[in-house]
Amino acid sequence: MNRKEIQRKIELAETNRREAAARVEATRKRLEELEEQRAEVLGESELARRALTDFERLSEQSRQELATIDLEAATQERDRIVTEAAAALEAAVTLLGEIGARRSAVVEAHQRLAALNPEARSPVPEEPNILDGPWQRMVSAVKSQLDEKLEADLVDAAARSYTGQAINALPEHLRTLATLRRKELQRRSIRRPS
C-alpha cells in the first residue's frame, strides 16, 4: 500500500469517525429528548393515577352519602308509617271498645222495648257483617308480626346461649339463622377492643 492509499484510508476512516460521532451525538440528543419525554409522561401518568384515585374515592364517598340519604329517607318513611299504624291501631282499639258499648246499648234498648210490649217478639236487630273480614285480616297480621318477633327472640336467645346448645332445640329453619347470628356475635366480640 502506498502513501496515498493509506492517506485515503485515514481520510475515509476520519470521515466515517465524524459521521459515527455525529450519529452518536444525534442519538445521545434523541435519547435525552426521549428521557425528557419519558419523565414528562411518567409525571402525567402519576398525575392521572392520583386523579383516578381521587375520583374513585370521591365516587365511593358519593355512593356512601347516597346510601346514607336512602337509609335516612327509608327510615323516615318507615317511622311515618309506624306512627300512622300506631294511631290507626289506637283508633281501632277505641272503636272496638265503642262497638262493645253499642252492642250493649242495642241489647238494653231491645230489652226495654220487649218489656213495654211483651207480645212483640222481635229479635235483636242483626249487626252488619262488615267487621269480620277486616277483623280476620287484622288478627292474621298481628299473629304474623308476633310469630316473627317470637322467632327473632328465639334465634337471638339461642345464639347468645353459653354453649350454643340451645340452637339444637330450635326448629330446622331457625337453627340456620341462629348459627349465623351466633357467628356474627362472635365476630363482633373478637373485633371489640378489650
Protein backbone atom coordinates (compact mmCIF):
# COMPACT_ATOMS: atom_id res chain seq x y z
CA MET A 1 0.00 0.00 0.00
CA ASN A 2 1.28 3.39 -0.84
CA ARG A 3 1.07 6.62 0.99
CA LYS A 4 -1.93 7.93 -0.97
CA GLU A 5 -3.94 4.84 -0.31
CA ILE A 6 -3.11 4.97 3.37
CA GLN A 7 -3.95 8.66 3.48
CA ARG A 8 -7.19 7.98 1.69
CA LYS A 9 -7.89 5.24 4.17
CA ILE A 10 -7.19 7.66 7.00
CA GLU A 11 -9.43 10.28 5.44
CA LEU A 12 -12.16 7.72 4.91
CA ALA A 13 -11.77 6.49 8.46
CA GLU A 14 -11.85 10.08 9.72
CA THR A 15 -14.97 10.79 7.68
CA ASN A 16 -16.60 7.62 8.99
CA ARG A 17 -15.49 8.53 12.53
CA ARG A 18 -17.01 12.02 12.22
CA GLU A 19 -20.22 10.57 10.83
CA ALA A 20 -20.31 7.98 13.60
CA ALA A 21 -19.58 10.69 16.19
CA ALA A 22 -22.36 12.80 14.69
CA ARG A 23 -24.70 9.81 14.83
CA VAL A 24 -23.66 9.16 18.45
CA GLU A 25 -24.31 12.81 19.29
CA ALA A 26 -27.64 12.78 17.46
CA THR A 27 -28.59 9.56 19.21
CA ARG A 28 -27.49 11.00 22.57
CA LYS A 29 -29.61 14.11 21.97
CA ARG A 30 -32.51 11.98 20.87
CA LEU A 31 -32.12 9.82 23.97
CA GLU A 32 -32.09 12.97 26.12
CA GLU A 33 -35.25 14.15 24.41
CA LEU A 34 -36.83 10.75 24.86
CA GLU A 35 -35.77 10.72 28.51
CA GLU A 36 -37.34 14.15 28.96
CA GLN A 37 -40.49 12.90 27.24
CA ARG A 38 -40.39 9.76 29.38
CA ALA A 39 -40.09 11.83 32.54
CA GLU A 40 -42.91 14.05 31.32
CA VAL A 41 -45.10 11.05 30.50
CA LEU A 42 -44.28 9.47 33.87
CA GLY A 43 -45.29 12.71 35.57
CA GLU A 44 -48.52 12.84 33.59
CA SER A 45 -49.13 9.20 34.40
CA GLU A 46 -48.61 9.84 38.11
CA LEU A 47 -50.97 12.81 37.98
CA ALA A 48 -53.53 10.68 36.16
CA ARG A 49 -53.16 7.90 38.76
CA ARG A 50 -53.65 10.40 41.57
CA ALA A 51 -56.68 11.87 39.82
CA LEU A 52 -58.07 8.38 39.30
CA THR A 53 -57.57 7.56 42.98
CA ASP A 54 -59.20 10.85 43.97
CA PHE A 55 -62.15 10.25 41.65
CA GLU A 56 -62.55 6.68 42.90
CA ARG A 57 -62.51 7.95 46.49
CA LEU A 58 -64.98 10.70 45.61
CA SER A 59 -67.20 8.20 43.83
CA GLU A 60 -67.13 5.86 46.84
CA GLN A 61 -67.87 8.73 49.21
CA SER A 62 -70.73 9.84 46.99
CA ARG A 63 -72.13 6.30 46.92
CA GLN A 64 -71.90 6.18 50.71
CA GLU A 65 -73.58 9.56 51.01
CA LEU A 66 -76.33 8.43 48.65
CA ALA A 67 -76.78 5.20 50.61
CA THR A 68 -76.94 7.25 53.83
CA ILE A 69 -79.57 9.54 52.31
CA ASP A 70 -81.53 6.50 51.10
CA LEU A 71 -81.32 4.98 54.57
CA GLU A 72 -82.49 8.20 56.20
CA ALA A 73 -85.38 8.52 53.74
CA ALA A 74 -86.38 4.88 54.20
CA THR A 75 -86.14 5.27 57.97
CA GLN A 76 -88.27 8.42 57.94
CA GLU A 77 -90.87 6.73 55.74
CA ARG A 78 -90.89 3.65 57.97
CA ASP A 79 -91.24 5.80 61.08
CA ARG A 80 -94.06 7.77 59.46
CA ILE A 81 -95.90 4.57 58.60
CA VAL A 82 -95.28 3.16 62.08
CA THR A 83 -96.69 6.35 63.58
CA GLU A 84 -99.73 6.17 61.31
CA ALA A 85 -100.21 2.49 62.12
CA ALA A 86 -99.94 3.18 65.84
CA ALA A 87 -102.56 5.92 65.56
CA ALA A 88 -104.80 3.67 63.48
CA LEU A 89 -104.41 0.83 65.98
CA GLU A 90 -105.24 3.17 68.85
CA ALA A 91 -108.30 4.31 66.94
CA ALA A 92 -109.22 0.68 66.21
CA VAL A 93 -108.91 -0.25 69.88
CA THR A 94 -111.08 2.72 70.82
CA LEU A 95 -113.64 1.83 68.16
CA LEU A 96 -113.68 -1.82 69.24
CA GLY A 97 -114.43 -0.63 72.75
CA GLU A 98 -117.20 1.51 71.33
CA ILE A 99 -118.61 -1.48 69.45
CA GLY A 100 -118.93 -3.37 72.72
CA ALA A 101 -120.69 -0.42 74.32
CA ARG A 102 -123.00 -0.01 71.32
CA ARG A 103 -123.85 -3.71 71.30
CA SER A 104 -124.80 -3.45 74.96
CA ALA A 105 -126.89 -0.37 74.19
CA VAL A 106 -128.76 -2.25 71.43
CA VAL A 107 -129.46 -5.19 73.76
CA GLU A 108 -130.66 -2.84 76.52
CA ALA A 109 -132.90 -0.92 74.11
CA HIS A 110 -134.29 -4.20 72.80
CA GLN A 111 -134.97 -5.37 76.35
CA ARG A 112 -136.76 -2.10 77.18
CA LEU A 113 -138.89 -2.45 74.06
CA ALA A 114 -139.66 -6.08 74.91
CA ALA A 115 -140.59 -5.08 78.46
CA LEU A 116 -143.00 -2.45 77.17
CA ASN A 117 -144.58 -4.75 74.60
CA PRO A 118 -144.10 -8.40 75.56
CA GLU A 119 -146.23 -9.61 72.66
CA ALA A 120 -143.94 -8.10 70.06
CA ARG A 121 -141.31 -10.77 69.84
CA SER A 122 -138.90 -9.07 67.54
CA PRO A 123 -135.33 -10.33 67.54
CA VAL A 124 -132.39 -8.11 68.35
CA PRO A 125 -131.50 -6.34 65.11
CA GLU A 126 -128.64 -8.09 63.38
CA GLU A 127 -125.30 -6.41 63.26
CA PRO A 128 -123.83 -5.76 59.80
CA ASN A 129 -121.34 -8.44 58.87
CA ILE A 130 -118.75 -5.95 57.57
CA LEU A 131 -116.36 -6.23 60.51
CA ASP A 132 -115.48 -9.91 60.10
CA GLY A 133 -113.19 -9.60 57.05
CA PRO A 134 -111.09 -6.70 58.34
CA TRP A 135 -111.01 -8.30 61.79
CA GLN A 136 -109.63 -11.57 60.38
CA ARG A 137 -107.01 -9.68 58.37
CA MET A 138 -106.01 -7.77 61.50
CA VAL A 139 -105.77 -10.98 63.51
CA SER A 140 -103.63 -12.57 60.78
CA ALA A 141 -101.36 -9.53 60.56
CA VAL A 142 -100.90 -9.36 64.33
CA LYS A 143 -100.28 -13.11 64.52
CA SER A 144 -97.70 -12.87 61.75
CA GLN A 145 -95.95 -9.98 63.49
CA LEU A 146 -95.95 -11.83 66.80
CA ASP A 147 -94.64 -15.01 65.16
CA GLU A 148 -91.79 -13.07 63.52
CA LYS A 149 -90.93 -11.37 66.80
CA LEU A 150 -91.03 -14.66 68.68
CA GLU A 151 -88.80 -16.34 66.10
CA ALA A 152 -86.34 -13.44 66.21
CA ASP A 153 -86.27 -13.60 70.01
CA LEU A 154 -85.78 -17.38 69.97
CA VAL A 155 -82.96 -17.13 67.43
CA ASP A 156 -81.24 -14.39 69.40
CA ALA A 157 -81.58 -16.22 72.72
CA ALA A 158 -80.27 -19.47 71.25
CA ALA A 159 -77.38 -17.67 69.55
CA ARG A 160 -76.44 -16.00 72.82
CA SER A 161 -76.68 -19.19 74.87
CA TYR A 162 -73.46 -20.05 76.68
CA THR A 163 -72.53 -23.19 74.76
CA GLY A 164 -74.79 -22.74 71.78
CA GLN A 165 -76.61 -25.99 72.56
CA ALA A 166 -79.93 -24.15 72.61
CA ILE A 167 -79.60 -23.85 68.84
CA ASN A 168 -80.18 -27.60 68.50
CA ALA A 169 -83.54 -27.27 70.25
CA LEU A 170 -84.82 -24.89 67.58
CA PRO A 171 -86.79 -25.96 64.51
CA GLU A 172 -84.56 -26.58 61.50
CA HIS A 173 -85.36 -23.31 59.70
CA LEU A 174 -84.38 -21.34 62.81
CA ARG A 175 -81.19 -23.33 63.51
CA THR A 176 -79.51 -21.91 60.44
CA LEU A 177 -80.47 -18.37 61.41
CA ALA A 178 -79.31 -18.91 64.99
CA THR A 179 -76.00 -20.36 63.83
CA LEU A 180 -75.40 -17.38 61.56
CA ARG A 181 -76.40 -14.99 64.36
CA ARG A 182 -74.02 -16.74 66.80
CA LYS A 183 -71.15 -16.40 64.32
CA GLU A 184 -71.97 -12.73 63.85
CA LEU A 185 -71.97 -12.19 67.61
CA GLN A 186 -68.64 -13.99 67.91
CA ARG A 187 -67.11 -11.86 65.15
CA ARG A 188 -68.31 -8.73 66.90
CA SER A 189 -66.84 -9.83 70.21
CA ILE A 190 -63.49 -10.56 68.53
CA ARG A 191 -63.41 -7.12 66.89
CA ARG A 192 -64.39 -5.32 70.08
CA PRO A 193 -61.30 -3.82 71.77
CA SER A 194 -60.65 -5.12 75.27
